[in-house]
Amino acid sequence: MGPIKKFDPIYFLLTIFGPVLIFLGVVTLAIVLIENSGIGAIICSLAMLLMILWWTVFSRKLFEKQRDSKLGELAGQGFTPNHTFNADGCTLVVDLAHGQVALLFRWNPKKVYVRPASAISQLQVDDGRGGAGFMEGSSRVRFLFSIEGITIKVNTFTSNRRWRMDSDYILTAISKADVMVKSLLAAGAQAK
């Protein structure tokens, strides 16, 4: 199936810069073809709004649709999704019955990588603890593992502020990470 690639540069460029090119084309056509500057400004504003909506809403919805389609194909091939974790940049699916793991990445949604869970190494929970005393806390909790020499980092919680380590947000995120680590360990034991 080939090596794991988290990033497809063509997909990334089309997703990020495709709307910019379309916007520039619409603006150019509005300037050249529309004599009324008020109507041209409205068309350019609508094009700008659509570009922003693409980046904030539609591209994520497209990814989710592609992800669901790919995961449906996996289920049709006999992959049993016992645990699925959707993070901001990665979807991880664990098949405990067959001891397999499926990975789907946000910036490479056309490929699902299925690997034996026994290939996973350096599996750990990172609670993101930092600071000292009353400043101790975390703004990110994740679990990490290596597979085929690539480190996969899956966030269970991210924030733009630091939360105390006894916060419900942090404790829940640590619990989620622990569940996924245990699930991956169980799948790895099944694969051996």
C-alpha atoms as a PDB file:
ATOM      1  CA  MET A   1       0.000   0.000   0.000  1.00  0.00           C
ATOM      2  CA  GLY A   2       3.038   2.252   0.143  1.00  0.00           C
ATOM      3  CA  PRO A   3       4.609   4.347   2.867  1.00  0.00           C
ATOM      4  CA  ILE A   4       2.458   6.464   5.151  1.00  0.00           C
ATOM      5  CA  LYS A   5       2.166  10.055   3.975  1.00  0.00           C
ATOM      6  CA  LYS A   6       0.409  12.565   6.216  1.00  0.00           C
ATOM      7  CA  PHE A   7       0.573  15.305   3.636  1.00  0.00           C
ATOM      8  CA  ASP A   8      -0.399  15.448  -0.056  1.00  0.00           C
ATOM      9  CA  PRO A   9       1.035  18.719  -1.432  1.00  0.00           C
ATOM     10  CA  ILE A  10      -1.305  18.844  -4.435  1.00  0.00           C
ATOM     11  CA  TYR A  11      -4.408  18.422  -2.267  1.00  0.00           C
ATOM     12  CA  PHE A  12      -3.086  21.032   0.168  1.00  0.00           C
ATOM     13  CA  LEU A  13      -2.324  23.570  -2.556  1.00  0.00           C
ATOM     14  CA  LEU A  14      -5.714  23.067  -4.210  1.00  0.00           C
ATOM     15  CA  THR A  15      -7.536  23.361  -0.901  1.00  0.00           C
ATOM     16  CA  ILE A  16      -5.715  26.488   0.247  1.00  0.00           C
ATOM     17  CA  PHE A  17      -4.824  28.334  -2.951  1.00  0.00           C
ATOM     18  CA  GLY A  18      -7.581  27.085  -5.282  1.00  0.00           C
ATOM     19  CA  PRO A  19     -10.141  29.498  -3.777  1.00  0.00           C
ATOM     20  CA  VAL A  20      -7.639  32.358  -4.086  1.00  0.00           C
ATOM     21  CA  LEU A  21      -7.208  31.694  -7.800  1.00  0.00           C
ATOM     22  CA  ILE A  22     -10.966  31.512  -8.296  1.00  0.00           C
ATOM     23  CA  PHE A  23     -11.380  34.744  -6.332  1.00  0.00           C
ATOM     24  CA  LEU A  24      -8.754  36.498  -8.469  1.00  0.00           C
ATOM     25  CA  GLY A  25     -10.478  35.242 -11.619  1.00  0.00           C
ATOM     26  CA  VAL A  26     -13.860  36.534 -10.436  1.00  0.00           C
ATOM     27  CA  VAL A  27     -12.364  39.908  -9.504  1.00  0.00           C
ATOM     28  CA  THR A  28     -10.651  40.179 -12.887  1.00  0.00           C
ATOM     29  CA  LEU A  29     -13.885  39.312 -14.718  1.00  0.00           C
ATOM     30  CA  ALA A  30     -15.847  41.766 -12.562  1.00  0.00           C
ATOM     31  CA  ILE A  31     -13.404  44.566 -13.354  1.00  0.00           C
ATOM     32  CA  VAL A  32     -13.257  43.808 -17.083  1.00  0.00           C
ATOM     33  CA  LEU A  33     -16.868  42.881 -17.852  1.00  0.00           C
ATOM     34  CA  ILE A  34     -19.013  44.858 -15.403  1.00  0.00           C
ATOM     35  CA  GLU A  35     -19.233  48.572 -16.035  1.00  0.00           C
ATOM     36  CA  ASN A  36     -21.195  49.390 -12.864  1.00  0.00           C
ATOM     37  CA  SER A  37     -18.632  49.503 -10.060  1.00  0.00           C
ATOM     38  CA  GLY A  38     -21.305  48.938  -7.381  1.00  0.00           C
ATOM     39  CA  ILE A  39     -22.364  45.599  -8.878  1.00  0.00           C
ATOM     40  CA  GLY A  40     -18.703  44.648  -9.372  1.00  0.00           C
ATOM     41  CA  ALA A  41     -17.985  45.410  -5.710  1.00  0.00           C
ATOM     42  CA  ILE A  42     -20.932  43.255  -4.627  1.00  0.00           C
ATOM     43  CA  ILE A  43     -19.743  40.353  -6.794  1.00  0.00           C
ATOM     44  CA  CYS A  44     -16.192  40.686  -5.431  1.00  0.00           C
ATOM     45  CA  SER A  45     -17.526  40.794  -1.865  1.00  0.00           C
ATOM     46  CA  LEU A  46     -19.592  37.650  -2.463  1.00  0.00           C
ATOM     47  CA  ALA A  47     -16.551  35.921  -3.946  1.00  0.00           C
ATOM     48  CA  MET A  48     -14.511  36.914  -0.872  1.00  0.00           C
ATOM     49  CA  LEU A  49     -17.266  35.593   1.423  1.00  0.00           C
ATOM     50  CA  LEU A  50     -17.366  32.280  -0.467  1.00  0.00           C
ATOM     51  CA  MET A  51     -13.577  32.001  -0.225  1.00  0.00           C
ATOM     52  CA  ILE A  52     -13.712  32.513   3.546  1.00  0.00           C
ATOM     53  CA  LEU A  53     -16.592  30.035   3.877  1.00  0.00           C
ATOM     54  CA  TRP A  54     -14.561  27.495   1.897  1.00  0.00           C
ATOM     55  CA  TRP A  55     -11.643  27.760   4.294  1.00  0.00           C
ATOM     56  CA  THR A  56     -13.730  27.771   7.475  1.00  0.00           C
ATOM     57  CA  VAL A  57     -16.634  25.432   6.679  1.00  0.00           C
ATOM     58  CA  PHE A  58     -16.800  23.780   3.278  1.00  0.00           C
ATOM     59  CA  SER A  59     -13.279  22.313   3.114  1.00  0.00           C
ATOM     60  CA  ARG A  60     -13.797  20.671   6.518  1.00  0.00           C
ATOM     61  CA  LYS A  61     -17.192  19.312   5.430  1.00  0.00           C
ATOM     62  CA  LEU A  62     -15.590  17.945   2.257  1.00  0.00           C
ATOM     63  CA  PHE A  63     -12.904  16.235   4.353  1.00  0.00           C
ATOM     64  CA  GLU A  64     -15.538  14.760   6.687  1.00  0.00           C
ATOM     65  CA  LYS A  65     -17.499  13.427   3.715  1.00  0.00           C
ATOM     66  CA  GLN A  66     -14.348  11.886   2.211  1.00  0.00           C
ATOM     67  CA  ARG A  67     -13.411  10.444   5.608  1.00  0.00           C
ATOM     68  CA  ASP A  68     -16.823   8.856   6.112  1.00  0.00           C
ATOM     69  CA  SER A  69     -16.734   7.408   2.598  1.00  0.00           C
ATOM     70  CA  LYS A  70     -13.263   5.908   3.110  1.00  0.00           C
ATOM     71  CA  LEU A  71     -14.200   4.478   6.505  1.00  0.00           C
ATOM     72  CA  GLY A  72     -17.341   2.978   4.944  1.00  0.00           C
ATOM     73  CA  GLU A  73     -15.155   1.311   2.310  1.00  0.00           C
ATOM     74  CA  LEU A  74     -12.971  -0.087   5.093  1.00  0.00           C
ATOM     75  CA  ALA A  75     -15.989  -1.568   6.854  1.00  0.00           C
ATOM     76  CA  GLY A  76     -17.049  -3.140   3.551  1.00  0.00           C
ATOM     77  CA  GLN A  77     -13.636  -4.824   3.322  1.00  0.00           C
ATOM     78  CA  GLY A  78     -14.061  -6.519   6.707  1.00  0.00           C
ATOM     79  CA  PHE A  79     -12.320  -3.945   8.894  1.00  0.00           C
ATOM     80  CA  THR A  80     -14.130  -3.781  12.257  1.00  0.00           C
ATOM     81  CA  PRO A  81     -14.035  -0.223  13.670  1.00  0.00           C
ATOM     82  CA  ASN A  82     -14.053  -0.880  17.431  1.00  0.00           C
ATOM     83  CA  HIS A  83     -12.629   2.523  18.387  1.00  0.00           C
ATOM     84  CA  THR A  84     -12.600   5.622  16.197  1.00  0.00           C
ATOM     85  CA  PHE A  85     -10.959   8.857  17.233  1.00  0.00           C
ATOM     86  CA  ASN A  86     -11.357  11.976  15.102  1.00  0.00           C
ATOM     87  CA  ALA A  87      -8.747  14.603  15.924  1.00  0.00           C
ATOM     88  CA  ASP A  88      -8.051  17.873  14.173  1.00  0.00           C
ATOM     89  CA  GLY A  89      -5.470  16.458  11.768  1.00  0.00           C
ATOM     90  CA  CYS A  90      -5.947  12.702  11.897  1.00  0.00           C
ATOM     91  CA  THR A  91      -8.599  10.018  12.189  1.00  0.00           C
ATOM     92  CA  LEU A  92      -7.493   6.850  13.927  1.00  0.00           C
ATOM     93  CA  VAL A  93      -9.569   3.670  13.773  1.00  0.00           C
ATOM     94  CA  VAL A  94      -8.709   0.548  15.775  1.00  0.00           C
ATOM     95  CA  ASP A  95      -9.845  -2.944  14.771  1.00  0.00           C
ATOM     96  CA  LEU A  96      -9.430  -5.097  17.881  1.00  0.00           C
ATOM     97  CA  ALA A  97     -10.658  -8.266  16.182  1.00  0.00           C
ATOM     98  CA  HIS A  98      -7.961  -8.264  13.503  1.00  0.00           C
ATOM     99  CA  GLY A  99      -5.312  -6.290  15.405  1.00  0.00           C
ATOM    100  CA  GLN A 100      -5.194  -3.511  12.844  1.00  0.00           C
ATOM    101  CA  VAL A 101      -5.068   0.268  12.818  1.00  0.00           C
ATOM    102  CA  ALA A 102      -6.359   2.564  10.085  1.00  0.00           C
ATOM    103  CA  LEU A 103      -5.044   6.105   9.691  1.00  0.00           C
ATOM    104  CA  LEU A 104      -6.590   8.894   7.639  1.00  0.00           C
ATOM    105  CA  PHE A 105      -4.992  12.335   7.575  1.00  0.00           C
ATOM    106  CA  ARG A 106      -6.611  15.738   7.078  1.00  0.00           C
ATOM    107  CA  TRP A 107      -4.166  16.805   4.377  1.00  0.00           C
ATOM    108  CA  ASN A 108      -4.173  13.434   2.579  1.00  0.00           C
ATOM    109  CA  PRO A 109      -7.802  12.258   2.725  1.00  0.00           C
ATOM    110  CA  LYS A 110      -7.725  10.159  -0.412  1.00  0.00           C
ATOM    111  CA  LYS A 111      -5.697   7.382   1.219  1.00  0.00           C
ATOM    112  CA  VAL A 112      -6.411   5.246   4.244  1.00  0.00           C
ATOM    113  CA  TYR A 113      -3.394   3.497   5.694  1.00  0.00           C
ATOM    114  CA  VAL A 114      -4.147   0.148   7.338  1.00  0.00           C
ATOM    115  CA  ARG A 115      -1.324  -1.348   9.339  1.00  0.00           C
ATOM    116  CA  PRO A 116      -0.985  -4.102  11.944  1.00  0.00           C
ATOM    117  CA  ALA A 117      -1.186  -2.606  15.410  1.00  0.00           C
ATOM    118  CA  SER A 118       1.923  -4.576  16.356  1.00  0.00           C
ATOM    119  CA  ALA A 119       3.916  -2.155  14.140  1.00  0.00           C
ATOM    120  CA  ILE A 120       3.187   0.652  16.610  1.00  0.00           C
ATOM    121  CA  SER A 121       5.997   1.647  18.939  1.00  0.00           C
ATOM    122  CA  GLN A 122       6.749   4.410  21.453  1.00  0.00           C
ATOM    123  CA  LEU A 123       3.087   4.645  22.435  1.00  0.00           C
ATOM    124  CA  GLN A 124       2.520   7.235  25.171  1.00  0.00           C
ATOM    125  CA  VAL A 125       0.188   9.864  26.589  1.00  0.00           C
ATOM    126  CA  ASP A 126       1.467  13.448  26.686  1.00  0.00           C
ATOM    127  CA  ASP A 127      -0.501  15.539  29.168  1.00  0.00           C
ATOM    128  CA  GLY A 128       1.312  18.734  28.126  1.00  0.00           C
ATOM    129  CA  ARG A 129       2.064  19.656  31.726  1.00  0.00           C
ATOM    130  CA  GLY A 130       4.094  22.833  32.017  1.00  0.00           C
ATOM    131  CA  GLY A 131       4.757  25.677  34.438  1.00  0.00           C
ATOM    132  CA  ALA A 132       5.333  25.491  38.158  1.00  0.00           C
ATOM    133  CA  GLY A 133       3.307  26.153  41.268  1.00  0.00           C
ATOM    134  CA  PHE A 134       0.063  27.999  40.667  1.00  0.00           C
ATOM    135  CA  MET A 135       1.040  28.431  36.974  1.00  0.00           C
ATOM    136  CA  GLU A 136       1.200  24.671  36.360  1.00  0.00           C
ATOM    137  CA  GLY A 137      -1.219  23.464  33.723  1.00  0.00           C
ATOM    138  CA  SER A 138      -1.687  22.374  30.138  1.00  0.00           C
ATOM    139  CA  SER A 139      -3.111  23.679  26.906  1.00  0.00           C
ATOM    140  CA  ARG A 140      -2.791  20.428  24.952  1.00  0.00           C
ATOM    141  CA  VAL A 141      -3.261  16.750  25.729  1.00  0.00           C
ATOM    142  CA  ARG A 142      -2.423  14.089  23.167  1.00  0.00           C
ATOM    143  CA  PHE A 143      -1.266  10.563  22.619  1.00  0.00           C
ATOM    144  CA  LEU A 144       1.715   9.784  20.422  1.00  0.00           C
ATOM    145  CA  PHE A 145       3.084   6.757  18.695  1.00  0.00           C
ATOM    146  CA  SER A 146       5.512   5.807  15.955  1.00  0.00           C
ATOM    147  CA  ILE A 147       4.696   3.605  13.015  1.00  0.00           C
ATOM    148  CA  GLU A 148       7.073   2.929  10.134  1.00  0.00           C
ATOM    149  CA  GLY A 149       9.418   5.595  11.489  1.00  0.00           C
ATOM    150  CA  ILE A 150       6.747   8.312  11.410  1.00  0.00           C
ATOM    151  CA  THR A 151       5.544   9.924  14.628  1.00  0.00           C
ATOM    152  CA  ILE A 152       1.783  10.362  14.800  1.00  0.00           C
ATOM    153  CA  LYS A 153       0.502  12.932  17.312  1.00  0.00           C
ATOM    154  CA  VAL A 154      -3.223  12.825  18.008  1.00  0.00           C
ATOM    155  CA  ASN A 155      -4.640  15.661  20.100  1.00  0.00           C
ATOM    156  CA  THR A 156      -7.446  14.877  22.514  1.00  0.00           C
ATOM    157  CA  PHE A 157      -7.625  18.486  23.743  1.00  0.00           C
ATOM    158  CA  THR A 158      -6.220  21.817  22.597  1.00  0.00           C
ATOM    159  CA  SER A 159      -6.842  25.301  23.881  1.00  0.00           C
ATOM    160  CA  ASN A 160      -5.401  28.763  23.484  1.00  0.00           C
ATOM    161  CA  ARG A 161      -5.116  29.085  27.250  1.00  0.00           C
ATOM    162  CA  ARG A 162      -3.543  27.005  29.965  1.00  0.00           C
ATOM    163  CA  TRP A 163      -5.875  24.939  32.144  1.00  0.00           C
ATOM    164  CA  ARG A 164      -5.115  23.574  35.593  1.00  0.00           C
ATOM    165  CA  MET A 165      -4.191  19.911  35.660  1.00  0.00           C
ATOM    166  CA  ASP A 166      -7.254  19.118  37.799  1.00  0.00           C
ATOM    167  CA  SER A 167      -9.588  20.826  35.304  1.00  0.00           C
ATOM    168  CA  ASP A 168     -12.391  18.680  33.881  1.00  0.00           C
ATOM    169  CA  TYR A 169     -11.152  19.506  30.365  1.00  0.00           C
ATOM    170  CA  ILE A 170      -7.665  18.181  31.073  1.00  0.00           C
ATOM    171  CA  LEU A 171      -8.843  15.145  33.044  1.00  0.00           C
ATOM    172  CA  THR A 172     -11.336  14.183  30.330  1.00  0.00           C
ATOM    173  CA  ALA A 173      -8.676  14.584  27.629  1.00  0.00           C
ATOM    174  CA  ILE A 174      -6.207  12.447  29.580  1.00  0.00           C
ATOM    175  CA  SER A 175      -8.902   9.815  30.027  1.00  0.00           C
ATOM    176  CA  LYS A 176      -9.596   9.788  26.266  1.00  0.00           C
ATOM    177  CA  ALA A 177      -5.891   9.462  25.511  1.00  0.00           C
ATOM    178  CA  ASP A 178      -5.569   6.602  28.041  1.00  0.00           C
ATOM    179  CA  VAL A 179      -8.511   4.767  26.450  1.00  0.00           C
ATOM    180  CA  MET A 180      -6.952   5.046  22.993  1.00  0.00           C
ATOM    181  CA  VAL A 181      -3.543   3.901  24.253  1.00  0.00           C
ATOM    182  CA  LYS A 182      -5.119   0.866  25.940  1.00  0.00           C
ATOM    183  CA  SER A 183      -7.087   0.131  22.770  1.00  0.00           C
ATOM    184  CA  LEU A 184      -3.940   0.318  20.628  1.00  0.00           C
ATOM    185  CA  LEU A 185      -2.071  -1.926  23.073  1.00  0.00           C
ATOM    186  CA  ALA A 186      -4.908  -4.463  22.989  1.00  0.00           C
ATOM    187  CA  ALA A 187      -4.959  -4.406  19.181  1.00  0.00           C
ATOM    188  CA  GLY A 188      -1.177  -4.838  19.144  1.00  0.00           C
ATOM    189  CA  ALA A 189      -1.446  -7.875  21.406  1.00  0.00           C
ATOM    190  CA  GLN A 190      -4.137  -9.317  19.129  1.00  0.00           C
ATOM    191  CA  ALA A 191      -1.947  -8.805  16.044  1.00  0.00           C
ATOM    192  CA  LYS A 192       0.991 -10.786  17.470  1.00  0.00           C
END
